């Protein structure tokens, strides 16, 4: 059995337990949460109430001799026994003179109090409480025992030779409080009714029963209030255990240990293995959302739409009409690409919820690997819900992302278009020139000869050169448009990936990381509180 820290360290343990309960509250069943919260609250209150005083409770059944044992311990008749008080129905506290225990006893709810003078036999800094009989038919008495058994510092289980194996004592009291072994004593009373061999046999059997109840290294002291046998040993042992509990805060540490063990058992943290890094999973979740949102298809549509619109604007003029007959690749997705699109205007979601379901399941299985079942289920549920519910957010992010595909044509398109028109004007002017010469010669009978260059009429050369120029400019413009389309595709991909990444980070990753860190904080705190 490990030795607990000294009293000053119990404050940190209680503080850590309170924080742990707050962190793990959503993982615990309501009943267990209420129990461990009550333990932490009681421990905090008890630590604030005169921790130098150890309250020792004598717990036993009717006729076990608790009251006689109290009187023998303090050397005075302070507890009524015999005919006048056949059963203990009220808790009675026996306090040493000069010790202010009022506030502590008020907190415990003990109204009956007796002050004994110093040197009367009561160990220093010890208050003894004679509890009501545990087998009382009065339910109120049983509730008093239950409440005080949870609050006192040292537990003394009192049993007589006839009922030392009593089921109520062992199964309803000793076993549930067995985690307080370090501040637990067993007392066998009325040994004056037994022979020495019988006393040893009953004492050994009681020791065995306490061990089976979960008490580690149980101490059992045989006593007789009639002959005084064992009383001094009991008094010294109580003093020793009380001092030890005061130094080590044994009762409070036992309560904290119990609460920690209950939380660990409920969470199954023995199988928990923390994972140090999660950065790669944020990227994987973003890639999954990018795939589900169809970013690759949209980027390809941006490239094709850029080429489509560019050729319509600065392609070869006679064939632009053919290009106009084709549907705009981006508008097929009902996207303008200028960030002005609205989700509700889309005929169908851009994001595949089926893909999101698959990716959420795969990611949750990988992230939650080696974690307790409770945490695996929570991670899977959270990731699935958050990941699938971002479908609308992803649609909005994509539709509102400016892909730089607005209706206003780029300056390069306008330049190529203007340059092509200049050559078309030259060709047209030269054609008009040739037409005027033909009309002048054939209809006006005027001798109008065009100028020549290298034996060819200059107007004819200008017509041919103008048309050739338009074709050349159209080819250059088309090549440039295709080059810029690839660049625009990359820009669109970066913008879309960033938009999707922001949604995933905000709606999925940040909450998920918070849950992962919460779980690891709980695991680390339990590991620290319960070192192997």
Protein backbone atom coordinates (compact mmCIF):
# COMPACT_ATOMS: atom_id res chain seq x y z
CA UNK A 1 0.00 0.00 0.00
CA UNK A 2 1.51 3.26 -1.06
CA UNK A 3 1.96 5.95 1.56
CA UNK A 4 0.05 9.12 0.87
CA UNK A 5 1.48 12.59 0.72
CA UNK A 6 1.41 14.75 3.80
CA UNK A 7 -1.55 16.91 4.74
CA UNK A 8 -0.38 20.00 2.85
CA UNK A 9 -0.48 18.04 -0.42
CA UNK A 10 -4.10 16.93 -0.03
CA UNK A 11 -5.19 20.44 -0.98
CA UNK A 12 -3.64 20.00 -4.41
CA UNK A 13 -5.18 16.53 -4.76
CA UNK A 14 -8.65 17.86 -3.94
CA UNK A 15 -8.14 20.75 -6.33
CA UNK A 16 -7.02 18.34 -9.07
CA UNK A 17 -9.98 16.05 -8.36
CA UNK A 18 -12.39 18.96 -8.66
CA UNK A 19 -10.86 19.95 -11.98
CA UNK A 20 -10.90 16.35 -13.16
CA UNK A 21 -14.60 15.98 -12.31
CA UNK A 22 -15.34 19.16 -14.23
CA UNK A 23 -13.41 17.86 -17.26
CA UNK A 24 -14.93 14.38 -17.17
CA UNK A 25 -18.47 15.38 -16.23
CA UNK A 26 -19.90 14.73 -19.69
CA UNK A 27 -18.38 11.22 -19.73
CA UNK A 28 -19.78 10.06 -16.40
CA UNK A 29 -23.18 8.67 -15.56
CA UNK A 30 -25.28 11.14 -13.53
CA UNK A 31 -25.26 8.95 -10.40
CA UNK A 32 -21.49 8.50 -10.44
CA UNK A 33 -20.96 12.19 -11.21
CA UNK A 34 -23.09 13.10 -8.20
CA UNK A 35 -21.15 10.70 -5.97
CA UNK A 36 -17.64 11.84 -6.89
CA UNK A 37 -18.72 15.49 -6.83
CA UNK A 38 -20.07 14.98 -3.32
CA UNK A 39 -16.78 13.36 -2.26
CA UNK A 40 -14.75 16.28 -3.61
CA UNK A 41 -17.08 18.79 -1.98
CA UNK A 42 -16.96 17.01 1.40
CA UNK A 43 -13.19 16.71 1.25
CA UNK A 44 -12.84 20.40 0.53
CA UNK A 45 -15.17 21.31 3.38
CA UNK A 46 -13.49 18.91 5.84
CA UNK A 47 -10.05 20.29 5.07
CA UNK A 48 -11.26 23.76 5.98
CA UNK A 49 -12.63 22.59 9.36
CA UNK A 50 -9.87 22.11 11.96
CA UNK A 51 -7.78 19.44 10.23
CA UNK A 52 -5.72 18.99 13.42
CA UNK A 53 -8.68 17.24 15.10
CA UNK A 54 -9.30 13.61 14.12
CA UNK A 55 -12.89 12.44 14.50
CA UNK A 56 -13.10 8.74 15.37
CA UNK A 57 -16.44 6.96 14.86
CA UNK A 58 -17.43 3.75 16.57
CA UNK A 59 -19.74 1.79 14.27
CA UNK A 60 -21.56 -1.37 15.26
CA UNK A 61 -24.83 -3.22 15.68
CA UNK A 62 -27.22 -3.30 18.59
CA UNK A 63 -25.64 -4.90 21.64
CA UNK A 64 -22.09 -4.72 20.30
CA UNK A 65 -20.98 -2.69 23.32
CA UNK A 66 -20.11 0.60 21.58
CA UNK A 67 -21.32 2.81 24.41
CA UNK A 68 -19.55 0.76 27.04
CA UNK A 69 -16.41 0.92 24.92
CA UNK A 70 -16.66 4.73 24.74
CA UNK A 71 -16.98 4.94 28.50
CA UNK A 72 -14.01 2.65 28.97
CA UNK A 73 -11.89 4.67 26.54
CA UNK A 74 -12.49 8.01 28.27
CA UNK A 75 -12.62 6.58 31.76
CA UNK A 76 -16.03 8.07 32.55
CA UNK A 77 -19.72 7.23 32.09
CA UNK A 78 -20.47 9.64 29.28
CA UNK A 79 -22.58 7.32 27.13
CA UNK A 80 -25.75 5.73 28.47
CA UNK A 81 -25.74 1.94 28.46
CA UNK A 82 -27.79 -0.96 29.71
CA UNK A 83 -31.45 -0.71 30.59
CA UNK A 84 -31.65 3.04 30.24
CA UNK A 85 -30.38 2.99 26.68
CA UNK A 86 -30.55 -0.50 25.16
CA UNK A 87 -29.85 0.84 21.67
CA UNK A 88 -27.90 3.87 20.50
CA UNK A 89 -30.39 6.12 18.68
CA UNK A 90 -28.46 9.39 18.52
CA UNK A 91 -24.86 10.23 17.67
CA UNK A 92 -22.88 11.33 20.70
CA UNK A 93 -19.56 13.17 20.39
CA UNK A 94 -17.02 13.00 23.22
CA UNK A 95 -14.60 15.92 23.00
CA UNK A 96 -11.53 16.87 24.93
CA UNK A 97 -11.51 20.02 27.01
CA UNK A 98 -10.00 23.07 25.36
CA UNK A 99 -10.58 21.75 21.85
CA UNK A 100 -12.92 23.86 19.72
CA UNK A 101 -14.85 21.27 17.73
CA UNK A 102 -18.15 23.10 17.49
CA UNK A 103 -17.91 24.08 13.86
CA UNK A 104 -16.62 20.63 12.87
CA UNK A 105 -19.40 18.81 14.72
CA UNK A 106 -22.00 21.20 13.32
CA UNK A 107 -20.80 20.29 9.82
CA UNK A 108 -21.09 16.60 10.70
CA UNK A 109 -24.54 17.14 12.14
CA UNK A 110 -23.77 15.82 15.62
CA UNK A 111 -25.84 17.63 18.23
CA UNK A 112 -25.09 15.45 21.27
CA UNK A 113 -21.76 16.42 22.83
CA UNK A 114 -19.88 15.65 26.01
CA UNK A 115 -16.75 17.49 27.12
CA UNK A 116 -14.27 15.46 29.18
CA UNK A 117 -11.34 16.95 31.11
CA UNK A 118 -7.79 16.55 29.96
CA UNK A 119 -6.16 13.35 31.10
CA UNK A 120 -9.49 11.51 31.23
CA UNK A 121 -8.20 8.91 28.81
CA UNK A 122 -9.23 10.47 25.51
CA UNK A 123 -6.25 10.67 23.14
CA UNK A 124 -5.03 14.20 22.40
CA UNK A 125 -6.66 15.94 19.43
CA UNK A 126 -9.20 13.09 19.10
CA UNK A 127 -12.98 13.35 19.21
CA UNK A 128 -14.88 10.08 19.55
CA UNK A 129 -18.40 9.67 18.17
CA UNK A 130 -20.70 6.89 19.31
CA UNK A 131 -22.91 6.32 16.26
CA UNK A 132 -26.48 4.95 16.27
CA UNK A 133 -26.79 1.20 15.83
CA UNK A 134 -26.43 0.18 12.20
CA UNK A 135 -29.24 -2.39 12.48
CA UNK A 136 -31.74 0.06 13.92
CA UNK A 137 -35.29 -0.26 12.60
CA UNK A 138 -35.53 3.51 12.61
CA UNK A 139 -34.61 4.66 9.10
CA UNK A 140 -33.52 8.06 10.41
CA UNK A 141 -30.88 6.39 12.57
CA UNK A 142 -29.55 4.48 9.58
CA UNK A 143 -29.31 7.71 7.60
CA UNK A 144 -27.32 9.31 10.43
CA UNK A 145 -24.84 6.44 10.35
CA UNK A 146 -24.54 6.59 6.56
CA UNK A 147 -23.90 10.33 6.59
CA UNK A 148 -21.37 10.33 9.43
CA UNK A 149 -19.51 7.28 8.10
CA UNK A 150 -18.76 9.39 5.02
CA UNK A 151 -17.44 12.32 7.06
CA UNK A 152 -15.45 11.04 10.04
CA UNK A 153 -11.67 10.64 9.87
CA UNK A 154 -11.18 7.22 11.50
CA UNK A 155 -13.56 4.25 11.36
CA UNK A 156 -13.68 1.73 14.22
CA UNK A 157 -15.83 -1.32 13.41
CA UNK A 158 -17.14 -2.70 16.70
CA UNK A 159 -18.38 -6.29 16.87
CA UNK A 160 -19.30 -8.62 19.69
CA UNK A 161 -18.62 -12.38 19.71
CA UNK A 162 -22.23 -13.21 18.84
CA UNK A 163 -22.68 -10.91 15.80
CA UNK A 164 -19.15 -10.25 14.57
CA UNK A 165 -20.07 -11.81 11.19
CA UNK A 166 -23.23 -9.71 10.86
CA UNK A 167 -24.22 -9.29 7.19
CA UNK A 168 -25.27 -5.65 7.57
CA UNK A 169 -21.97 -4.67 9.16
CA UNK A 170 -19.78 -6.31 6.56
CA UNK A 171 -21.74 -6.00 3.33
CA UNK A 172 -23.44 -2.64 3.81
CA UNK A 173 -20.77 -0.72 5.70
CA UNK A 174 -17.28 -2.23 5.80
CA UNK A 175 -17.06 -3.22 2.14
CA UNK A 176 -18.28 0.11 0.67
CA UNK A 177 -15.74 1.94 2.88
CA UNK A 178 -12.88 -0.54 2.52
CA UNK A 179 -10.81 1.99 0.56
CA UNK A 180 -10.17 3.67 3.92
CA UNK A 181 -8.05 0.77 5.16
CA UNK A 182 -5.33 3.08 6.50
CA UNK A 183 -7.77 4.73 8.91
CA UNK A 184 -9.76 1.62 9.82
CA UNK A 185 -9.69 -0.50 12.99
CA UNK A 186 -11.60 -3.56 14.07
CA UNK A 187 -12.59 -4.08 17.69
CA UNK A 188 -13.84 -7.29 19.22
CA UNK A 189 -15.76 -6.48 22.43
CA UNK A 190 -17.06 -8.51 25.38
CA UNK A 191 -14.09 -10.87 25.42
CA UNK A 192 -14.77 -11.44 29.12
CA UNK A 193 -17.45 -13.86 27.94
CA UNK A 194 -14.88 -15.96 26.06
CA UNK A 195 -11.98 -18.13 27.04
CA UNK A 196 -8.56 -16.99 25.77
CA UNK A 197 -8.51 -19.65 22.99
CA UNK A 198 -12.03 -18.64 21.95
CA UNK A 199 -10.98 -15.00 21.92
CA UNK A 200 -8.07 -15.75 19.60
CA UNK A 201 -10.25 -17.83 17.31
CA UNK A 202 -13.00 -15.19 17.02
CA UNK A 203 -10.41 -12.43 16.61
CA UNK A 204 -8.72 -14.35 13.76
CA UNK A 205 -12.07 -15.00 12.10
CA UNK A 206 -13.04 -11.33 12.34
CA UNK A 207 -9.66 -10.39 10.86
CA UNK A 208 -10.31 -12.77 7.97
CA UNK A 209 -13.76 -11.30 7.32
CA UNK A 210 -12.39 -7.75 7.30
CA UNK A 211 -9.71 -8.83 4.85
CA UNK A 212 -12.36 -10.36 2.60
CA UNK A 213 -14.27 -7.10 2.83
CA UNK A 214 -11.29 -5.38 1.24
CA UNK A 215 -9.50 -4.00 4.29
CA UNK A 216 -5.74 -4.13 3.68
CA UNK A 217 -3.79 -5.54 6.63
CA UNK A 218 -6.73 -5.27 9.03
CA UNK A 219 -6.02 -4.58 12.69
CA UNK A 220 -8.37 -6.20 15.21
CA UNK A 221 -8.09 -5.46 18.93
CA UNK A 222 -9.79 -7.68 21.48
CA UNK A 223 -11.31 -5.70 24.39
CA UNK A 224 -13.51 -5.98 27.41
CA UNK A 225 -15.17 -2.94 28.98
CA UNK A 226 -15.81 -5.04 32.09
CA UNK A 227 -12.25 -6.20 32.80
CA UNK A 228 -10.45 -3.40 30.94
CA UNK A 229 -8.54 -5.87 28.78
CA UNK A 230 -7.32 -4.30 25.55
CA UNK A 231 -8.64 -0.82 26.37
CA UNK A 232 -5.22 0.73 26.76
CA UNK A 233 -4.06 -0.96 23.55
CA UNK A 234 -7.13 0.35 21.74
CA UNK A 235 -6.58 3.86 23.12
CA UNK A 236 -2.94 3.84 21.98
CA UNK A 237 -3.84 2.42 18.58
CA UNK A 238 -6.56 5.01 18.04
CA UNK A 239 -4.06 7.72 18.98
CA UNK A 240 -1.51 6.27 16.54
CA UNK A 241 -3.99 5.95 13.67
CA UNK A 242 -5.38 9.43 14.39
CA UNK A 243 -1.91 10.97 14.32
CA UNK A 244 -1.11 9.13 11.13
CA UNK A 245 -4.34 10.28 9.52
CA UNK A 246 -3.62 13.84 10.64
CA UNK A 247 -0.14 13.76 9.14
CA UNK A 248 -1.16 12.05 5.92
CA UNK A 249 -4.81 13.17 5.65
CA UNK A 250 -5.57 9.47 5.38
CA UNK A 251 -9.34 9.74 5.27
CA UNK A 252 -9.35 12.52 2.68
CA UNK A 253 -6.72 10.78 0.57
CA UNK A 254 -8.81 7.63 0.77
CA UNK A 255 -11.86 9.54 -0.48
CA UNK A 256 -9.84 11.07 -3.30
CA UNK A 257 -8.38 7.66 -4.20
CA UNK A 258 -11.86 6.16 -4.32
CA UNK A 259 -13.22 8.96 -6.52
CA UNK A 260 -10.24 8.67 -8.86
CA UNK A 261 -10.62 4.90 -9.11
CA UNK A 262 -14.33 5.23 -9.88
CA UNK A 263 -13.64 7.77 -12.63
CA UNK A 264 -10.82 5.68 -14.08
CA UNK A 265 -12.99 2.57 -14.04
CA UNK A 266 -15.92 4.35 -15.65
CA UNK A 267 -13.72 5.77 -18.42
CA UNK A 268 -11.55 2.69 -18.87
CA UNK A 269 -8.41 4.78 -18.90
CA UNK A 270 -6.16 1.80 -18.23
CA UNK A 271 -6.22 1.14 -21.98
CA UNK A 272 -5.73 4.78 -22.93
CA UNK A 273 -2.63 5.68 -24.91
CA UNK A 274 -2.18 9.37 -25.68
CA UNK A 275 -1.09 10.42 -29.15
CA UNK A 276 1.41 13.26 -29.20
CA UNK A 277 0.74 14.88 -32.58
CA UNK A 278 -2.47 15.54 -34.47
CA UNK A 279 -1.27 18.09 -37.03
CA UNK A 280 -1.42 15.58 -39.86
CA UNK A 281 -5.07 14.87 -39.13
CA UNK A 282 -6.10 18.47 -39.63
CA UNK A 283 -4.62 18.27 -43.14
CA UNK A 284 -6.29 14.92 -43.78
CA UNK A 285 -9.67 16.25 -42.71
CA UNK A 286 -9.23 19.25 -44.97
CA UNK A 287 -8.29 17.00 -47.89
CA UNK A 288 -11.36 14.88 -47.20
CA UNK A 289 -13.60 17.95 -47.23
CA UNK A 290 -11.91 19.22 -50.39
CA UNK A 291 -12.63 15.90 -52.05
CA UNK A 292 -16.23 15.86 -50.84
CA UNK A 293 -16.77 19.44 -51.99
CA UNK A 294 -15.61 18.62 -55.51
CA UNK A 295 -12.90 21.27 -55.50
CA UNK A 296 -10.93 19.44 -58.20
CA UNK A 297 -13.90 19.47 -60.59
CA UNK A 298 -14.57 23.13 -59.89
CA UNK A 299 -10.94 24.02 -60.55
CA UNK A 300 -11.04 22.17 -63.85
CA UNK A 301 -14.27 23.99 -64.69
CA UNK A 302 -12.53 27.30 -63.91
CA UNK A 303 -9.76 26.48 -66.38
CA UNK A 304 -12.19 25.47 -69.13
CA UNK A 305 -14.43 28.47 -68.41
CA UNK A 306 -11.48 30.84 -68.64
CA UNK A 307 -10.52 29.39 -72.02
CA UNK A 308 -14.15 29.46 -73.17
CA UNK A 309 -14.68 33.07 -72.19
CA UNK A 310 -11.25 34.15 -73.45
CA UNK A 311 -11.78 32.66 -76.90
CA UNK A 312 -15.25 34.18 -77.07
CA UNK A 313 -13.73 37.58 -76.37
CA UNK A 314 -10.45 37.56 -78.27
CA UNK A 315 -10.57 34.46 -80.48
CA UNK A 316 -10.78 34.75 -84.27
CA UNK A 317 -13.79 36.91 -84.99
CA UNK A 318 -15.56 34.71 -87.60
CA UNK A 319 -15.55 31.69 -85.26
CA UNK A 320 -16.55 33.41 -82.03
CA UNK A 321 -20.18 32.72 -82.74
CA UNK A 322 -19.49 28.97 -82.76
CA UNK A 323 -17.87 29.23 -79.32
CA UNK A 324 -20.89 31.19 -78.09
CA UNK A 325 -23.10 28.20 -78.86
CA UNK A 326 -21.28 26.12 -76.22
CA UNK A 327 -22.29 26.22 -72.54
CA UNK A 328 -19.98 27.95 -70.09
CA UNK A 329 -18.29 25.12 -68.05
CA UNK A 330 -18.47 27.09 -64.81
CA UNK A 331 -22.05 28.15 -65.31
CA UNK A 332 -22.98 24.50 -65.77
CA UNK A 333 -22.28 24.29 -62.04
CA UNK A 334 -24.39 27.44 -61.59
CA UNK A 335 -21.34 29.37 -60.46
CA UNK A 336 -20.29 32.76 -61.70
CA UNK A 337 -16.88 32.57 -60.06
CA UNK A 338 -16.89 36.15 -58.80
CA UNK A 339 -17.93 35.38 -55.23
CA UNK A 340 -21.49 36.62 -55.71
CA UNK A 341 -23.17 33.21 -55.84
CA UNK A 342 -25.64 32.22 -53.17
CA UNK A 343 -26.07 28.70 -51.81
CA UNK A 344 -29.85 28.78 -52.16
CA UNK A 345 -29.50 29.55 -55.86
CA UNK A 346 -27.65 26.29 -56.51
CA UNK A 347 -29.87 23.56 -58.04
CA UNK A 348 -28.03 20.85 -56.07
CA UNK A 349 -25.41 20.79 -53.29
CA UNK A 350 -21.83 20.99 -54.43
CA UNK A 351 -20.72 18.86 -51.50
CA UNK A 352 -21.29 15.11 -51.35
CA UNK A 353 -22.64 14.17 -47.91
CA UNK A 354 -22.00 10.51 -48.69
CA UNK A 355 -18.30 11.21 -49.14
CA UNK A 356 -18.31 13.23 -45.91
CA UNK A 357 -19.85 10.26 -44.06
CA UNK A 358 -17.17 7.91 -45.34
CA UNK A 359 -14.32 10.30 -44.57
CA UNK A 360 -15.68 11.05 -41.09
CA UNK A 361 -15.88 7.35 -40.26
CA UNK A 362 -12.35 6.64 -41.47
CA UNK A 363 -10.87 9.65 -39.69
CA UNK A 364 -12.65 8.95 -36.41
CA UNK A 365 -11.51 5.32 -36.41
CA UNK A 366 -7.91 6.35 -36.91
CA UNK A 367 -7.91 9.26 -34.44
CA UNK A 368 -9.76 7.35 -31.71
CA UNK A 369 -7.60 4.24 -31.97
CA UNK A 370 -6.40 2.85 -28.61
CA UNK A 371 -8.76 5.11 -26.67
CA UNK A 372 -11.35 3.88 -24.16
CA UNK A 373 -14.75 2.96 -25.58
CA UNK A 374 -16.46 6.00 -24.06
CA UNK A 375 -14.01 8.37 -25.70
CA UNK A 376 -13.98 6.50 -29.01
CA UNK A 377 -17.76 6.77 -29.21
CA UNK A 378 -17.70 10.44 -28.32
CA UNK A 379 -15.01 11.23 -30.88
CA UNK A 380 -16.80 9.27 -33.58
CA UNK A 381 -20.15 10.93 -32.84
CA UNK A 382 -18.67 14.43 -32.64
CA UNK A 383 -16.58 14.09 -35.80
CA UNK A 384 -19.42 12.51 -37.75
CA UNK A 385 -21.94 15.15 -36.73
CA UNK A 386 -19.60 18.11 -37.19
CA UNK A 387 -18.14 16.81 -40.45
CA UNK A 388 -21.46 15.99 -42.07
CA UNK A 389 -23.14 19.15 -40.85
CA UNK A 390 -20.58 21.34 -42.59
CA UNK A 391 -22.04 20.43 -45.99
CA UNK A 392 -24.00 23.68 -46.12
CA UNK A 393 -21.00 25.63 -44.81
CA UNK A 394 -18.81 24.16 -47.54
CA UNK A 395 -21.36 25.02 -50.22
CA UNK A 396 -21.47 28.57 -48.94
CA UNK A 397 -17.67 28.81 -48.77
CA UNK A 398 -17.30 27.61 -52.36
CA UNK A 399 -20.07 29.72 -53.81
CA UNK A 400 -18.83 32.86 -52.05
CA UNK A 401 -15.17 32.40 -53.00
CA UNK A 402 -13.94 34.89 -55.55
CA UNK A 403 -12.36 32.80 -58.30
CA UNK A 404 -11.49 35.96 -60.24
CA UNK A 405 -13.88 34.96 -62.99
CA UNK A 406 -16.03 38.07 -63.09
CA UNK A 407 -17.80 39.31 -66.21
CA UNK A 408 -15.32 42.13 -66.79
CA UNK A 409 -12.71 40.82 -69.28
CA UNK A 410 -9.02 41.13 -68.38
CA UNK A 411 -6.94 43.87 -70.00
CA UNK A 412 -5.01 41.28 -72.01
CA UNK A 413 -8.24 40.11 -73.65
CA UNK A 414 -9.21 43.67 -74.50
CA UNK A 415 -5.73 44.30 -75.91
CA UNK A 416 -5.83 41.25 -78.20
CA UNK A 417 -9.39 42.04 -79.21
CA UNK A 418 -8.50 45.67 -80.06
CA UNK A 419 -5.38 44.59 -81.95
CA UNK A 420 -7.38 42.09 -84.00
CA UNK A 421 -9.98 44.74 -84.78
CA UNK A 422 -7.23 47.06 -86.04
CA UNK A 423 -6.19 44.43 -88.57
CA UNK A 424 -9.81 43.79 -89.49
CA UNK A 425 -10.24 47.56 -90.11
CA UNK A 426 -7.10 47.59 -92.26
CA UNK A 427 -8.42 44.64 -94.26
CA UNK A 428 -11.82 46.26 -94.59
CA UNK A 429 -10.35 49.62 -95.64
CA UNK A 430 -8.15 47.90 -98.22
CA UNK A 431 -11.17 45.95 -99.49
CA UNK A 432 -13.14 49.19 -99.83
CA UNK A 433 -10.18 50.67 -101.67
CA UNK A 434 -10.20 47.79 -104.15
CA UNK A 435 -13.95 48.07 -104.55
CA UNK A 436 -13.69 51.76 -105.31
CA UNK A 437 -11.07 51.08 -108.01
CA UNK A 438 -13.30 48.45 -109.65
CA UNK A 439 -16.30 50.80 -109.64
CA UNK A 440 -14.22 53.70 -111.00
CA UNK A 441 -12.85 51.61 -113.83
CA UNK A 442 -15.96 49.69 -114.86
CA UNK A 443 -18.77 52.11 -114.22
CA UNK A 444 -17.19 55.57 -114.23
CA UNK A 445 -14.60 54.75 -116.89
CA UNK A 446 -11.95 56.49 -114.85
CA UNK A 447 -8.35 55.33 -115.21
CA UNK A 448 -7.58 54.62 -111.51
CA UNK A 449 -4.61 52.42 -111.02
CA UNK A 450 -3.64 51.28 -107.49
CA UNK A 451 -0.08 51.58 -106.32
CA UNK A 452 2.04 48.48 -106.53
CA UNK A 453 4.69 46.90 -104.38
CA UNK A 454 6.88 44.17 -105.81
CA UNK A 455 4.41 43.82 -108.67
CA UNK A 456 1.30 43.37 -106.47
CA UNK A 457 -1.44 45.93 -105.80
CA UNK A 458 -0.98 47.39 -102.36
CA UNK A 459 -4.76 47.22 -101.49
CA UNK A 460 -4.71 43.49 -102.24
CA UNK A 461 -1.62 43.08 -100.10
CA UNK A 462 -3.30 44.98 -97.28
CA UNK A 463 -6.40 42.81 -97.41
CA UNK A 464 -4.35 39.62 -97.26
CA UNK A 465 -2.00 40.98 -94.63
CA UNK A 466 -4.91 42.22 -92.47
CA UNK A 467 -6.69 38.85 -92.55
CA UNK A 468 -3.43 37.00 -91.87
CA UNK A 469 -2.78 39.39 -88.99
CA UNK A 470 -6.17 38.65 -87.45
CA UNK A 471 -5.48 34.91 -87.63
CA UNK A 472 -2.02 35.33 -86.12
CA UNK A 473 -3.30 37.54 -83.31
CA UNK A 474 -6.13 35.08 -82.64
CA UNK A 475 -3.63 32.22 -82.41
CA UNK A 476 -1.37 34.20 -80.07
CA UNK A 477 -4.36 35.27 -78.00
CA UNK A 478 -5.65 31.68 -77.74
CA UNK A 479 -2.25 30.41 -76.63
CA UNK A 480 -1.98 33.19 -74.07
CA UNK A 481 -5.50 32.51 -72.81
CA UNK A 482 -4.73 28.82 -72.35
CA UNK A 483 -1.53 29.70 -70.50
CA UNK A 484 -3.36 32.11 -68.21
CA UNK A 485 -6.17 29.56 -67.73
CA UNK A 486 -3.75 27.17 -66.05
CA UNK A 487 -2.58 29.95 -63.80
CA UNK A 488 -6.16 30.95 -63.02
CA UNK A 489 -6.94 27.32 -62.21
CA UNK A 490 -4.11 27.20 -59.66
CA UNK A 491 -5.29 30.47 -58.12
CA UNK A 492 -8.84 29.15 -57.90
CA UNK A 493 -7.61 25.94 -56.29
CA UNK A 494 -5.67 27.85 -53.68
CA UNK A 495 -8.66 30.07 -52.92
CA UNK A 496 -11.08 27.14 -52.71
CA UNK A 497 -8.74 25.02 -50.59
CA UNK A 498 -8.25 27.95 -48.22
CA UNK A 499 -12.01 28.53 -47.98
CA UNK A 500 -12.69 24.85 -47.32
CA UNK A 501 -9.80 24.67 -44.86
CA UNK A 502 -11.19 27.59 -42.86
CA UNK A 503 -14.58 25.87 -42.61
CA UNK A 504 -13.02 22.56 -41.53
CA UNK A 505 -10.75 24.28 -39.03
CA UNK A 506 -13.52 26.37 -37.50
CA UNK A 507 -16.38 23.88 -37.53
CA UNK A 508 -14.57 20.53 -37.15
CA UNK A 509 -10.93 20.70 -36.16
CA UNK A 510 -11.02 23.25 -33.35
CA UNK A 511 -13.88 21.45 -31.52
CA UNK A 512 -12.25 18.08 -32.21
CA UNK A 513 -8.87 19.24 -30.95
CA UNK A 514 -10.55 20.61 -27.84
CA UNK A 515 -12.11 17.19 -27.20
CA UNK A 516 -8.81 15.39 -27.81
CA UNK A 517 -6.98 17.72 -25.46
CA UNK A 518 -9.74 17.32 -22.85
CA UNK A 519 -9.39 13.54 -22.99
CA UNK A 520 -5.62 13.67 -22.77
CA UNK A 521 -5.81 16.12 -19.88
CA UNK A 522 -8.06 13.66 -18.04
CA UNK A 523 -5.75 10.75 -18.87
CA UNK A 524 -2.69 12.66 -17.72
CA UNK A 525 -4.35 13.77 -14.50
CA UNK A 526 -5.45 10.23 -13.69
CA UNK A 527 -1.98 8.92 -14.48
CA UNK A 528 -0.41 11.53 -12.24
CA UNK A 529 -2.88 10.87 -9.42
CA UNK A 530 -2.49 7.09 -9.65
CA UNK A 531 1.15 6.37 -10.51
CA UNK A 532 1.93 2.72 -11.19
